[in-house]
Amino acid sequence: MARGELAVVGGGGGFIGGWLAKNLLEQGYRVRAVDIKPQDEWYQVHPQAENLQLDLKGLENCRRAYKGADRIYQLAADMGGMGFIENNKALCMLSVLPNTHGLMVAQEVGVKRFFYSSSACVYNAEKQKDANVTALKEEDAYPAMAEDGYGWEKLFSERMCRHFREDFGVPTRVARFHNVYGPHGTWDGGREKAPAAICRKVIKAKLEGKHEIEIWGDGSQTRSFMYIDDCIKGINMITDSEHVLEPINLGSSELVSINQLVDIVEDLAGIKLKRNYKLDAPKGVAGRNSDNTKIKQLLNWEPNTRLRVGMEKTYRWIHDQMTSKVPVGAR
């Protein structure tokens, strides 16, 4: 048990950060959640935690946020789905600041663990040109050809974690997230990812009686999607491990196409829609999947929530949001 240690979650007002703060409280940690957004825009606010609105791009704000921390979970980043990251590369790159300043403060305060949330967007784009992609192993990040903007920011920060561990003894742990989804996340506004966006579009079509849907690309793009419960469990296992020193995949290995994802949501909604393909929309790489060999070897576990199971929970939550008058911050 945590025995009252202080865990600080950078990005604690975000989707994953909100779930992580909840879990850490349940484990017995004292929790400080920090986010740039006003609290009425946080996805989850936990009264038992200390909740601060701070911009972690600033070094002094990081010092305030991480003062007295035993553990730092650095999830704060300016990011979103493919539509956002393809059109906001400079904003994504600026996330190197909370990462770097966070590591500097972690060294100053002598944290017991520094967890950094990286992304599958670090992987070499040349290995992701086919929808029938070979699952990506950790070493496939090199030679480097990451997603422009967001992916390079993540890859650079992975290296910072490595060098702070090797040179200064900061006990860093890095996980490469593969498309996390679930309730209490972004589902509209431009930053949402494919599972939430498709749920919103299908629900909207059903509510309005307009039985058609716009799909970005031709629908053949393949991905794996990890349910939030698996993500939180993986964060805990990776952070606590004495053996996971290098960046490691944290994602489902259940590969599906976007068309198949739409099939699942249509089935949940009990409707069939005409599909209109927007071929000039941002659609990312042709295929991306997680090779989970390493996480199974080191932790004897991998994310294993079946996509349909997680999507049903996500669909129901988004449906409730769309059919009730809920303030944006409570979504």
C-alpha atoms as a PDB file:
ATOM      1  CA  MET A   1       0.000   0.000   0.000  1.00  0.00           C
ATOM      2  CA  ALA A   2       1.010   3.606  -0.535  1.00  0.00           C
ATOM      3  CA  ARG A   3       1.210   4.511   3.194  1.00  0.00           C
ATOM      4  CA  GLY A   4       0.307   8.130   2.522  1.00  0.00           C
ATOM      5  CA  GLU A   5       2.980   8.883  -0.065  1.00  0.00           C
ATOM      6  CA  LEU A   6       2.317  11.923  -2.244  1.00  0.00           C
ATOM      7  CA  ALA A   7       1.599  11.126  -5.889  1.00  0.00           C
ATOM      8  CA  VAL A   8       1.319  14.089  -8.246  1.00  0.00           C
ATOM      9  CA  VAL A   9      -0.516  13.678 -11.550  1.00  0.00           C
ATOM     10  CA  GLY A  10       0.459  16.213 -14.188  1.00  0.00           C
ATOM     11  CA  GLY A  11      -2.505  16.460 -16.545  1.00  0.00           C
ATOM     12  CA  GLY A  12      -4.818  15.310 -13.748  1.00  0.00           C
ATOM     13  CA  GLY A  13      -7.782  17.112 -15.303  1.00  0.00           C
ATOM     14  CA  GLY A  14      -7.498  15.103 -18.515  1.00  0.00           C
ATOM     15  CA  PHE A  15      -9.040  11.798 -19.508  1.00  0.00           C
ATOM     16  CA  ILE A  16      -6.305   9.384 -18.413  1.00  0.00           C
ATOM     17  CA  GLY A  17      -5.117  11.670 -15.616  1.00  0.00           C
ATOM     18  CA  GLY A  18      -8.569  11.781 -14.047  1.00  0.00           C
ATOM     19  CA  TRP A  19      -8.838   7.997 -13.957  1.00  0.00           C
ATOM     20  CA  LEU A  20      -5.264   7.681 -12.664  1.00  0.00           C
ATOM     21  CA  ALA A  21      -5.870  10.161  -9.828  1.00  0.00           C
ATOM     22  CA  LYS A  22      -8.964   8.181  -8.802  1.00  0.00           C
ATOM     23  CA  ASN A  23      -7.002   4.923  -8.790  1.00  0.00           C
ATOM     24  CA  LEU A  24      -4.113   6.378  -6.792  1.00  0.00           C
ATOM     25  CA  LEU A  25      -6.541   7.661  -4.158  1.00  0.00           C
ATOM     26  CA  GLU A  26      -8.045   4.184  -3.945  1.00  0.00           C
ATOM     27  CA  GLN A  27      -4.554   2.763  -3.401  1.00  0.00           C
ATOM     28  CA  GLY A  28      -4.025   5.031  -0.401  1.00  0.00           C
ATOM     29  CA  TYR A  29      -1.819   7.733  -1.892  1.00  0.00           C
ATOM     30  CA  ARG A  30      -2.204  11.388  -1.094  1.00  0.00           C
ATOM     31  CA  VAL A  31      -2.897  12.821  -4.536  1.00  0.00           C
ATOM     32  CA  ARG A  32      -2.245  16.208  -6.060  1.00  0.00           C
ATOM     33  CA  ALA A  33      -3.841  16.640  -9.486  1.00  0.00           C
ATOM     34  CA  VAL A  34      -2.518  19.458 -11.655  1.00  0.00           C
ATOM     35  CA  ASP A  35      -3.888  20.721 -14.950  1.00  0.00           C
ATOM     36  CA  ILE A  36      -3.763  23.868 -17.079  1.00  0.00           C
ATOM     37  CA  LYS A  37      -7.559  23.878 -17.526  1.00  0.00           C
ATOM     38  CA  PRO A  38      -9.987  25.556 -15.091  1.00  0.00           C
ATOM     39  CA  GLN A  39     -11.452  22.898 -12.818  1.00  0.00           C
ATOM     40  CA  ASP A  40     -14.923  23.226 -14.315  1.00  0.00           C
ATOM     41  CA  GLU A  41     -13.381  21.831 -17.526  1.00  0.00           C
ATOM     42  CA  TRP A  42     -11.697  18.827 -15.882  1.00  0.00           C
ATOM     43  CA  TYR A  43     -13.107  15.451 -16.884  1.00  0.00           C
ATOM     44  CA  GLN A  44     -13.041  14.227 -13.297  1.00  0.00           C
ATOM     45  CA  VAL A  45     -12.516  16.238 -10.110  1.00  0.00           C
ATOM     46  CA  HIS A  46     -11.817  14.240  -6.942  1.00  0.00           C
ATOM     47  CA  PRO A  47     -12.571  16.185  -3.747  1.00  0.00           C
ATOM     48  CA  GLN A  48     -10.177  13.964  -1.742  1.00  0.00           C
ATOM     49  CA  ALA A  49      -7.259  15.200  -3.871  1.00  0.00           C
ATOM     50  CA  GLU A  50      -5.479  18.530  -3.833  1.00  0.00           C
ATOM     51  CA  ASN A  51      -6.453  20.032  -7.191  1.00  0.00           C
ATOM     52  CA  LEU A  52      -4.350  22.797  -8.717  1.00  0.00           C
ATOM     53  CA  GLN A  53      -4.703  24.820 -11.919  1.00  0.00           C
ATOM     54  CA  LEU A  54      -1.169  25.409 -13.180  1.00  0.00           C
ATOM     55  CA  ASP A  55       0.577  25.589 -16.548  1.00  0.00           C
ATOM     56  CA  LEU A  56       3.344  23.002 -16.222  1.00  0.00           C
ATOM     57  CA  LYS A  57       5.288  24.454 -19.143  1.00  0.00           C
ATOM     58  CA  GLY A  58       6.828  26.822 -16.574  1.00  0.00           C
ATOM     59  CA  LEU A  59       9.677  25.626 -14.346  1.00  0.00           C
ATOM     60  CA  GLU A  60       8.443  27.474 -11.244  1.00  0.00           C
ATOM     61  CA  ASN A  61       4.955  26.031 -11.717  1.00  0.00           C
ATOM     62  CA  CYS A  62       6.516  22.570 -11.880  1.00  0.00           C
ATOM     63  CA  ARG A  63       8.350  23.294  -8.627  1.00  0.00           C
ATOM     64  CA  ARG A  64       5.065  24.290  -7.004  1.00  0.00           C
ATOM     65  CA  ALA A  65       3.208  21.300  -8.432  1.00  0.00           C
ATOM     66  CA  TYR A  66       5.795  18.676  -7.532  1.00  0.00           C
ATOM     67  CA  LYS A  67       6.910  20.003  -4.144  1.00  0.00           C
ATOM     68  CA  GLY A  68       7.191  17.108  -1.707  1.00  0.00           C
ATOM     69  CA  ALA A  69       6.278  14.502  -4.334  1.00  0.00           C
ATOM     70  CA  ASP A  70       7.224  10.867  -3.802  1.00  0.00           C
ATOM     71  CA  ARG A  71       5.922   9.985  -7.272  1.00  0.00           C
ATOM     72  CA  ILE A  72       5.351  12.068 -10.381  1.00  0.00           C
ATOM     73  CA  TYR A  73       3.097  10.943 -13.211  1.00  0.00           C
ATOM     74  CA  GLN A  74       3.745  13.271 -16.149  1.00  0.00           C
ATOM     75  CA  LEU A  75       0.744  13.007 -18.463  1.00  0.00           C
ATOM     76  CA  ALA A  76       0.325  16.728 -19.184  1.00  0.00           C
ATOM     77  CA  ALA A  77       0.436  17.389 -22.933  1.00  0.00           C
ATOM     78  CA  ASP A  78      -1.263  19.458 -25.605  1.00  0.00           C
ATOM     79  CA  MET A  79      -2.713  16.699 -27.757  1.00  0.00           C
ATOM     80  CA  GLY A  80      -5.800  15.106 -29.265  1.00  0.00           C
ATOM     81  CA  GLY A  81      -6.868  12.854 -32.089  1.00  0.00           C
ATOM     82  CA  MET A  82      -5.364  12.796 -35.565  1.00  0.00           C
ATOM     83  CA  GLY A  83      -7.277  15.877 -36.664  1.00  0.00           C
ATOM     84  CA  PHE A  84      -5.712  17.870 -33.842  1.00  0.00           C
ATOM     85  CA  ILE A  85      -2.121  16.648 -33.967  1.00  0.00           C
ATOM     86  CA  GLU A  86      -1.817  17.020 -37.743  1.00  0.00           C
ATOM     87  CA  ASN A  87      -2.927  20.660 -37.546  1.00  0.00           C
ATOM     88  CA  ASN A  88      -1.227  21.775 -34.308  1.00  0.00           C
ATOM     89  CA  LYS A  89       2.351  20.539 -34.568  1.00  0.00           C
ATOM     90  CA  ALA A  90       3.951  23.507 -32.818  1.00  0.00           C
ATOM     91  CA  LEU A  91       1.547  23.257 -29.873  1.00  0.00           C
ATOM     92  CA  CYS A  92       2.314  19.549 -29.592  1.00  0.00           C
ATOM     93  CA  MET A  93       6.062  20.216 -29.645  1.00  0.00           C
ATOM     94  CA  LEU A  94       5.728  22.697 -26.765  1.00  0.00           C
ATOM     95  CA  SER A  95       4.842  19.764 -24.519  1.00  0.00           C
ATOM     96  CA  VAL A  96       8.596  19.153 -24.249  1.00  0.00           C
ATOM     97  CA  LEU A  97       8.532  21.934 -21.636  1.00  0.00           C
ATOM     98  CA  PRO A  98       6.440  20.223 -18.919  1.00  0.00           C
ATOM     99  CA  ASN A  99       8.358  17.017 -19.650  1.00  0.00           C
ATOM    100  CA  THR A 100      11.801  18.593 -19.322  1.00  0.00           C
ATOM    101  CA  HIS A 101      10.948  20.870 -16.414  1.00  0.00           C
ATOM    102  CA  GLY A 102       9.211  17.969 -14.698  1.00  0.00           C
ATOM    103  CA  LEU A 103      12.368  15.880 -14.932  1.00  0.00           C
ATOM    104  CA  MET A 104      14.470  18.748 -13.590  1.00  0.00           C
ATOM    105  CA  VAL A 105      12.203  19.080 -10.556  1.00  0.00           C
ATOM    106  CA  ALA A 106      12.041  15.304 -10.107  1.00  0.00           C
ATOM    107  CA  GLN A 107      15.822  15.370  -9.733  1.00  0.00           C
ATOM    108  CA  GLU A 108      15.639  18.295  -7.300  1.00  0.00           C
ATOM    109  CA  VAL A 109      13.083  16.685  -4.981  1.00  0.00           C
ATOM    110  CA  GLY A 110      14.458  13.147  -5.251  1.00  0.00           C
ATOM    111  CA  VAL A 111      11.310  11.330  -6.337  1.00  0.00           C
ATOM    112  CA  LYS A 112      10.987   7.582  -5.932  1.00  0.00           C
ATOM    113  CA  ARG A 113       9.409   7.228  -9.388  1.00  0.00           C
ATOM    114  CA  PHE A 114       8.859   9.450 -12.432  1.00  0.00           C
ATOM    115  CA  PHE A 115       6.348   7.998 -14.904  1.00  0.00           C
ATOM    116  CA  TYR A 116       6.165   9.475 -18.405  1.00  0.00           C
ATOM    117  CA  SER A 117       3.339   8.803 -20.860  1.00  0.00           C
ATOM    118  CA  SER A 118       4.767   8.445 -24.347  1.00  0.00           C
ATOM    119  CA  SER A 119       2.892   7.338 -27.461  1.00  0.00           C
ATOM    120  CA  ALA A 120       2.871   4.875 -30.327  1.00  0.00           C
ATOM    121  CA  CYS A 121       3.298   7.977 -32.499  1.00  0.00           C
ATOM    122  CA  VAL A 122       7.053   7.646 -31.858  1.00  0.00           C
ATOM    123  CA  TYR A 123       7.255   4.701 -34.261  1.00  0.00           C
ATOM    124  CA  ASN A 124       8.968   4.871 -37.635  1.00  0.00           C
ATOM    125  CA  ALA A 125       6.349   5.836 -40.234  1.00  0.00           C
ATOM    126  CA  GLU A 126       8.007   3.577 -42.841  1.00  0.00           C
ATOM    127  CA  LYS A 127       6.863   0.573 -40.800  1.00  0.00           C
ATOM    128  CA  GLN A 128       3.212   1.702 -40.832  1.00  0.00           C
ATOM    129  CA  LYS A 129       2.386   2.048 -44.530  1.00  0.00           C
ATOM    130  CA  ASP A 130       0.293  -1.123 -44.806  1.00  0.00           C
ATOM    131  CA  ALA A 131      -3.072  -1.736 -43.141  1.00  0.00           C
ATOM    132  CA  ASN A 132      -1.925  -5.335 -42.617  1.00  0.00           C
ATOM    133  CA  VAL A 133       0.825  -3.974 -40.412  1.00  0.00           C
ATOM    134  CA  THR A 134       3.342  -6.115 -38.563  1.00  0.00           C
ATOM    135  CA  ALA A 135       2.849  -5.331 -34.871  1.00  0.00           C
ATOM    136  CA  LEU A 136       5.349  -2.739 -33.687  1.00  0.00           C
ATOM    137  CA  LYS A 137       8.132  -3.809 -31.346  1.00  0.00           C
ATOM    138  CA  GLU A 138       9.796  -1.298 -29.052  1.00  0.00           C
ATOM    139  CA  GLU A 139      12.956  -1.246 -31.184  1.00  0.00           C
ATOM    140  CA  ASP A 140      10.921  -0.147 -34.225  1.00  0.00           C
ATOM    141  CA  ALA A 141      11.125   3.461 -33.008  1.00  0.00           C
ATOM    142  CA  TYR A 142      14.607   3.561 -34.551  1.00  0.00           C
ATOM    143  CA  PRO A 143      15.902   4.655 -36.983  1.00  0.00           C
ATOM    144  CA  ALA A 144      13.732   7.572 -35.992  1.00  0.00           C
ATOM    145  CA  MET A 145      10.959   8.808 -38.279  1.00  0.00           C
ATOM    146  CA  ALA A 146       8.233   9.684 -35.778  1.00  0.00           C
ATOM    147  CA  GLU A 147       4.848  11.336 -36.354  1.00  0.00           C
ATOM    148  CA  ASP A 148       5.684  14.939 -37.231  1.00  0.00           C
ATOM    149  CA  GLY A 149       5.258  17.248 -34.263  1.00  0.00           C
ATOM    150  CA  TYR A 150       3.579  15.139 -31.592  1.00  0.00           C
ATOM    151  CA  GLY A 151       5.615  11.975 -32.206  1.00  0.00           C
ATOM    152  CA  TRP A 152       8.943  13.784 -32.201  1.00  0.00           C
ATOM    153  CA  GLU A 153       8.049  15.539 -28.948  1.00  0.00           C
ATOM    154  CA  LYS A 154       7.348  12.145 -27.386  1.00  0.00           C
ATOM    155  CA  LEU A 155      10.515  10.531 -28.734  1.00  0.00           C
ATOM    156  CA  PHE A 156      12.700  13.428 -27.563  1.00  0.00           C
ATOM    157  CA  SER A 157      11.160  13.255 -24.091  1.00  0.00           C
ATOM    158  CA  GLU A 158      11.735   9.504 -23.925  1.00  0.00           C
ATOM    159  CA  ARG A 159      15.438  10.222 -24.451  1.00  0.00           C
ATOM    160  CA  MET A 160      15.342  12.874 -21.727  1.00  0.00           C
ATOM    161  CA  CYS A 161      13.900  10.286 -19.339  1.00  0.00           C
ATOM    162  CA  ARG A 162      16.667   7.862 -20.262  1.00  0.00           C
ATOM    163  CA  HIS A 163      19.446  10.388 -19.748  1.00  0.00           C
ATOM    164  CA  PHE A 164      18.042  11.707 -16.459  1.00  0.00           C
ATOM    165  CA  ARG A 165      17.921   8.102 -15.235  1.00  0.00           C
ATOM    166  CA  GLU A 166      21.442   7.271 -16.434  1.00  0.00           C
ATOM    167  CA  ASP A 167      23.148  10.570 -15.566  1.00  0.00           C
ATOM    168  CA  PHE A 168      21.239  11.756 -12.469  1.00  0.00           C
ATOM    169  CA  GLY A 169      19.637   8.605 -11.063  1.00  0.00           C
ATOM    170  CA  VAL A 170      16.031   9.741 -11.555  1.00  0.00           C
ATOM    171  CA  PRO A 171      14.012   6.475 -11.526  1.00  0.00           C
ATOM    172  CA  THR A 172      12.077   7.033 -14.754  1.00  0.00           C
ATOM    173  CA  ARG A 173       9.531   4.683 -16.323  1.00  0.00           C
ATOM    174  CA  VAL A 174       8.110   5.207 -19.826  1.00  0.00           C
ATOM    175  CA  ALA A 175       5.042   3.645 -21.457  1.00  0.00           C
ATOM    176  CA  ARG A 176       4.062   4.056 -25.103  1.00  0.00           C
ATOM    177  CA  PHE A 177       0.274   4.364 -25.109  1.00  0.00           C
ATOM    178  CA  HIS A 178      -1.679   2.929 -28.030  1.00  0.00           C
ATOM    179  CA  ASN A 179      -5.036   4.739 -28.503  1.00  0.00           C
ATOM    180  CA  VAL A 180      -6.639   4.841 -25.066  1.00  0.00           C
ATOM    181  CA  TYR A 181     -10.440   5.146 -24.892  1.00  0.00           C
ATOM    182  CA  GLY A 182     -13.285   4.906 -22.402  1.00  0.00           C
ATOM    183  CA  PRO A 183     -15.830   6.959 -20.412  1.00  0.00           C
ATOM    184  CA  HIS A 184     -15.025  10.400 -18.990  1.00  0.00           C
ATOM    185  CA  GLY A 185     -13.013  11.390 -22.046  1.00  0.00           C
ATOM    186  CA  THR A 186     -13.159  13.794 -24.959  1.00  0.00           C
ATOM    187  CA  TRP A 187     -15.910  12.960 -27.441  1.00  0.00           C
ATOM    188  CA  ASP A 188     -16.407  16.242 -29.301  1.00  0.00           C
ATOM    189  CA  GLY A 189     -14.703  19.555 -29.985  1.00  0.00           C
ATOM    190  CA  GLY A 190     -11.896  18.392 -32.292  1.00  0.00           C
ATOM    191  CA  ARG A 191      -9.539  16.624 -29.868  1.00  0.00           C
ATOM    192  CA  GLU A 192     -11.443  13.336 -29.635  1.00  0.00           C
ATOM    193  CA  LYS A 193     -10.009  10.094 -30.962  1.00  0.00           C
ATOM    194  CA  ALA A 194     -11.638   7.584 -33.277  1.00  0.00           C
ATOM    195  CA  PRO A 195     -13.614   5.432 -30.782  1.00  0.00           C
ATOM    196  CA  ALA A 196     -15.309   8.441 -29.186  1.00  0.00           C
ATOM    197  CA  ALA A 197     -15.776  10.263 -32.503  1.00  0.00           C
ATOM    198  CA  ILE A 198     -17.472   7.262 -34.087  1.00  0.00           C
ATOM    199  CA  CYS A 199     -19.721   6.786 -31.054  1.00  0.00           C
ATOM    200  CA  ARG A 200     -20.747  10.454 -31.266  1.00  0.00           C
ATOM    201  CA  LYS A 201     -21.436  10.272 -34.998  1.00  0.00           C
ATOM    202  CA  VAL A 202     -23.496   7.092 -34.751  1.00  0.00           C
ATOM    203  CA  ILE A 203     -25.500   8.370 -31.776  1.00  0.00           C
ATOM    204  CA  LYS A 204     -26.116  11.690 -33.539  1.00  0.00           C
ATOM    205  CA  ALA A 205     -27.289   9.903 -36.696  1.00  0.00           C
ATOM    206  CA  LYS A 206     -29.660   7.753 -34.657  1.00  0.00           C
ATOM    207  CA  LEU A 207     -31.062  10.655 -32.633  1.00  0.00           C
ATOM    208  CA  GLU A 208     -31.594  12.816 -35.711  1.00  0.00           C
ATOM    209  CA  GLY A 209     -32.856  10.037 -37.958  1.00  0.00           C
ATOM    210  CA  LYS A 210     -30.205  10.797 -40.594  1.00  0.00           C
ATOM    211  CA  HIS A 211     -28.805   7.359 -41.262  1.00  0.00           C
ATOM    212  CA  GLU A 212     -25.386   8.248 -42.639  1.00  0.00           C
ATOM    213  CA  ILE A 213     -21.925   8.775 -41.236  1.00  0.00           C
ATOM    214  CA  GLU A 214     -18.762  10.550 -42.383  1.00  0.00           C
ATOM    215  CA  ILE A 215     -15.581   8.483 -42.037  1.00  0.00           C
ATOM    216  CA  TRP A 216     -12.126  10.018 -42.349  1.00  0.00           C
ATOM    217  CA  GLY A 217     -10.122   8.166 -45.001  1.00  0.00           C
ATOM    218  CA  ASP A 218     -11.428   5.046 -46.716  1.00  0.00           C
ATOM    219  CA  GLY A 219     -11.966   3.131 -43.480  1.00  0.00           C
ATOM    220  CA  SER A 220      -9.256   0.569 -44.196  1.00  0.00           C
ATOM    221  CA  GLN A 221      -6.782   2.117 -41.726  1.00  0.00           C
ATOM    222  CA  THR A 222      -6.030  -0.290 -38.884  1.00  0.00           C
ATOM    223  CA  ARG A 223      -5.378   0.396 -35.212  1.00  0.00           C
ATOM    224  CA  SER A 224      -5.531  -1.218 -31.805  1.00  0.00           C
ATOM    225  CA  PHE A 225      -7.488   0.481 -29.028  1.00  0.00           C
ATOM    226  CA  MET A 226      -6.834   0.090 -25.285  1.00  0.00           C
ATOM    227  CA  TYR A 227      -9.612   0.441 -22.706  1.00  0.00           C
ATOM    228  CA  ILE A 228      -8.902   2.857 -19.854  1.00  0.00           C
ATOM    229  CA  ASP A 229      -8.971   0.171 -17.126  1.00  0.00           C
ATOM    230  CA  ASP A 230      -6.125  -1.672 -18.855  1.00  0.00           C
ATOM    231  CA  CYS A 231      -4.215   1.577 -19.253  1.00  0.00           C
ATOM    232  CA  ILE A 232      -4.399   2.371 -15.534  1.00  0.00           C
ATOM    233  CA  LYS A 233      -3.412  -1.166 -14.547  1.00  0.00           C
ATOM    234  CA  GLY A 234      -0.472  -0.996 -16.948  1.00  0.00           C
ATOM    235  CA  ILE A 235       0.690   2.366 -15.587  1.00  0.00           C
ATOM    236  CA  ASN A 236       0.731   0.929 -12.064  1.00  0.00           C
ATOM    237  CA  MET A 237       2.600  -2.219 -13.066  1.00  0.00           C
ATOM    238  CA  ILE A 238       5.186  -0.377 -15.169  1.00  0.00           C
ATOM    239  CA  THR A 239       5.770   2.327 -12.561  1.00  0.00           C
ATOM    240  CA  ASP A 240       6.229  -0.195  -9.753  1.00  0.00           C
ATOM    241  CA  SER A 241       8.442  -2.563 -11.750  1.00  0.00           C
ATOM    242  CA  GLU A 242      12.158  -2.854 -11.063  1.00  0.00           C
ATOM    243  CA  HIS A 243      12.748  -4.335 -14.529  1.00  0.00           C
ATOM    244  CA  VAL A 244      10.945  -2.051 -17.007  1.00  0.00           C
ATOM    245  CA  LEU A 245      13.670   0.542 -17.501  1.00  0.00           C
ATOM    246  CA  GLU A 246      13.295   1.235 -21.227  1.00  0.00           C
ATOM    247  CA  PRO A 247      10.152   2.505 -23.036  1.00  0.00           C
ATOM    248  CA  ILE A 248       7.561  -0.259 -23.343  1.00  0.00           C
ATOM    249  CA  ASN A 249       4.371  -0.719 -25.343  1.00  0.00           C
ATOM    250  CA  LEU A 250       1.137  -0.302 -23.417  1.00  0.00           C
ATOM    251  CA  GLY A 251      -1.670  -1.160 -25.794  1.00  0.00           C
ATOM    252  CA  SER A 252      -4.054  -3.834 -26.970  1.00  0.00           C
ATOM    253  CA  SER A 253      -2.915  -6.218 -29.699  1.00  0.00           C
ATOM    254  CA  GLU A 254      -6.498  -6.593 -31.037  1.00  0.00           C
ATOM    255  CA  LEU A 255      -6.122  -5.055 -34.504  1.00  0.00           C
ATOM    256  CA  VAL A 256      -9.226  -3.658 -36.238  1.00  0.00           C
ATOM    257  CA  SER A 257      -9.934  -1.413 -39.203  1.00  0.00           C
ATOM    258  CA  ILE A 258     -11.899   1.798 -38.825  1.00  0.00           C
ATOM    259  CA  ASN A 259     -14.662   0.159 -40.844  1.00  0.00           C
ATOM    260  CA  GLN A 260     -14.750  -2.696 -38.337  1.00  0.00           C
ATOM    261  CA  LEU A 261     -14.876  -0.195 -35.487  1.00  0.00           C
ATOM    262  CA  VAL A 262     -17.897   1.423 -37.138  1.00  0.00           C
ATOM    263  CA  ASP A 263     -19.471  -2.042 -37.465  1.00  0.00           C
ATOM    264  CA  ILE A 264     -19.165  -2.527 -33.694  1.00  0.00           C
ATOM    265  CA  VAL A 265     -20.738   0.830 -32.857  1.00  0.00           C
ATOM    266  CA  GLU A 266     -23.549   0.349 -35.376  1.00  0.00           C
ATOM    267  CA  ASP A 267     -24.309  -2.995 -33.756  1.00  0.00           C
ATOM    268  CA  LEU A 268     -24.378  -1.387 -30.312  1.00  0.00           C
ATOM    269  CA  ALA A 269     -26.769   1.265 -31.624  1.00  0.00           C
ATOM    270  CA  GLY A 270     -28.903  -1.242 -33.536  1.00  0.00           C
ATOM    271  CA  ILE A 271     -28.684   0.644 -36.837  1.00  0.00           C
ATOM    272  CA  LYS A 272     -26.884   0.551 -40.186  1.00  0.00           C
ATOM    273  CA  LEU A 273     -25.633   3.761 -41.731  1.00  0.00           C
ATOM    274  CA  LYS A 274     -24.616   4.892 -45.173  1.00  0.00           C
ATOM    275  CA  ARG A 275     -20.876   5.554 -45.078  1.00  0.00           C
ATOM    276  CA  ASN A 276     -19.496   8.696 -46.673  1.00  0.00           C
ATOM    277  CA  TYR A 277     -15.718   8.586 -46.900  1.00  0.00           C
ATOM    278  CA  LYS A 278     -13.825  11.878 -46.576  1.00  0.00           C
ATOM    279  CA  LEU A 279     -10.637  10.968 -48.375  1.00  0.00           C
ATOM    280  CA  ASP A 280      -8.894  14.308 -47.826  1.00  0.00           C
ATOM    281  CA  ALA A 281      -9.313  14.265 -44.043  1.00  0.00           C
ATOM    282  CA  PRO A 282      -6.425  13.569 -41.632  1.00  0.00           C
ATOM    283  CA  LYS A 283      -6.176   9.808 -41.233  1.00  0.00           C
ATOM    284  CA  GLY A 284      -2.662   9.073 -39.955  1.00  0.00           C
ATOM    285  CA  VAL A 285      -0.635   6.011 -40.853  1.00  0.00           C
ATOM    286  CA  ALA A 286      -2.167   3.080 -42.756  1.00  0.00           C
ATOM    287  CA  GLY A 287      -1.712   0.602 -39.912  1.00  0.00           C
ATOM    288  CA  ARG A 288      -0.486   0.477 -36.312  1.00  0.00           C
ATOM    289  CA  ASN A 289      -0.620  -2.317 -33.755  1.00  0.00           C
ATOM    290  CA  SER A 290       1.136  -3.116 -30.496  1.00  0.00           C
ATOM    291  CA  ASP A 291       3.555  -6.010 -30.209  1.00  0.00           C
ATOM    292  CA  ASN A 292       3.141  -7.084 -26.583  1.00  0.00           C
ATOM    293  CA  THR A 293       5.973  -9.602 -26.380  1.00  0.00           C
ATOM    294  CA  LYS A 294       8.033  -7.460 -24.007  1.00  0.00           C
ATOM    295  CA  ILE A 295       5.267  -6.532 -21.558  1.00  0.00           C
ATOM    296  CA  LYS A 296       4.213 -10.190 -21.348  1.00  0.00           C
ATOM    297  CA  GLN A 297       7.812 -11.235 -20.676  1.00  0.00           C
ATOM    298  CA  LEU A 298       8.502  -8.592 -18.036  1.00  0.00           C
ATOM    299  CA  LEU A 299       5.102  -8.276 -16.326  1.00  0.00           C
ATOM    300  CA  ASN A 300       3.336 -11.509 -17.288  1.00  0.00           C
ATOM    301  CA  TRP A 301       0.377  -9.426 -18.466  1.00  0.00           C
ATOM    302  CA  GLU A 302      -0.923  -7.412 -21.400  1.00  0.00           C
ATOM    303  CA  PRO A 303      -3.992  -5.187 -21.953  1.00  0.00           C
ATOM    304  CA  ASN A 304      -6.793  -7.667 -22.561  1.00  0.00           C
ATOM    305  CA  THR A 305     -10.205  -5.951 -22.475  1.00  0.00           C
ATOM    306  CA  ARG A 306     -11.964  -6.965 -25.679  1.00  0.00           C
ATOM    307  CA  LEU A 307     -12.795  -4.023 -27.917  1.00  0.00           C
ATOM    308  CA  ARG A 308     -16.520  -4.679 -28.015  1.00  0.00           C
ATOM    309  CA  VAL A 309     -16.693  -4.831 -24.212  1.00  0.00           C
ATOM    310  CA  GLY A 310     -14.914  -1.509 -23.797  1.00  0.00           C
ATOM    311  CA  MET A 311     -16.807   0.124 -26.647  1.00  0.00           C
ATOM    312  CA  GLU A 312     -20.160  -0.826 -25.129  1.00  0.00           C
ATOM    313  CA  LYS A 313     -19.263   0.980 -21.893  1.00  0.00           C
ATOM    314  CA  THR A 314     -17.924   3.954 -23.824  1.00  0.00           C
ATOM    315  CA  TYR A 315     -20.966   4.127 -26.113  1.00  0.00           C
ATOM    316  CA  ARG A 316     -23.388   4.097 -23.175  1.00  0.00           C
ATOM    317  CA  TRP A 317     -21.525   6.892 -21.403  1.00  0.00           C
ATOM    318  CA  ILE A 318     -21.340   9.121 -24.501  1.00  0.00           C
ATOM    319  CA  HIS A 319     -25.017   8.421 -25.230  1.00  0.00           C
ATOM    320  CA  ASP A 320     -25.866   9.618 -21.724  1.00  0.00           C
ATOM    321  CA  GLN A 321     -23.813  12.780 -22.240  1.00  0.00           C
ATOM    322  CA  MET A 322     -25.472  13.554 -25.557  1.00  0.00           C
ATOM    323  CA  THR A 323     -29.006  12.995 -24.308  1.00  0.00           C
ATOM    324  CA  SER A 324     -28.689  15.054 -21.111  1.00  0.00           C
ATOM    325  CA  LYS A 325     -27.958  18.723 -20.522  1.00  0.00           C
ATOM    326  CA  VAL A 326     -24.460  18.275 -19.147  1.00  0.00           C
ATOM    327  CA  PRO A 327     -21.961  21.168 -18.863  1.00  0.00           C
ATOM    328  CA  VAL A 328     -18.849  20.746 -20.980  1.00  0.00           C
ATOM    329  CA  GLY A 329     -16.573  20.346 -17.969  1.00  0.00           C
ATOM    330  CA  ALA A 330     -18.663  17.464 -16.620  1.00  0.00           C
ATOM    331  CA  ARG A 331     -18.182  15.415 -19.769  1.00  0.00           C
END
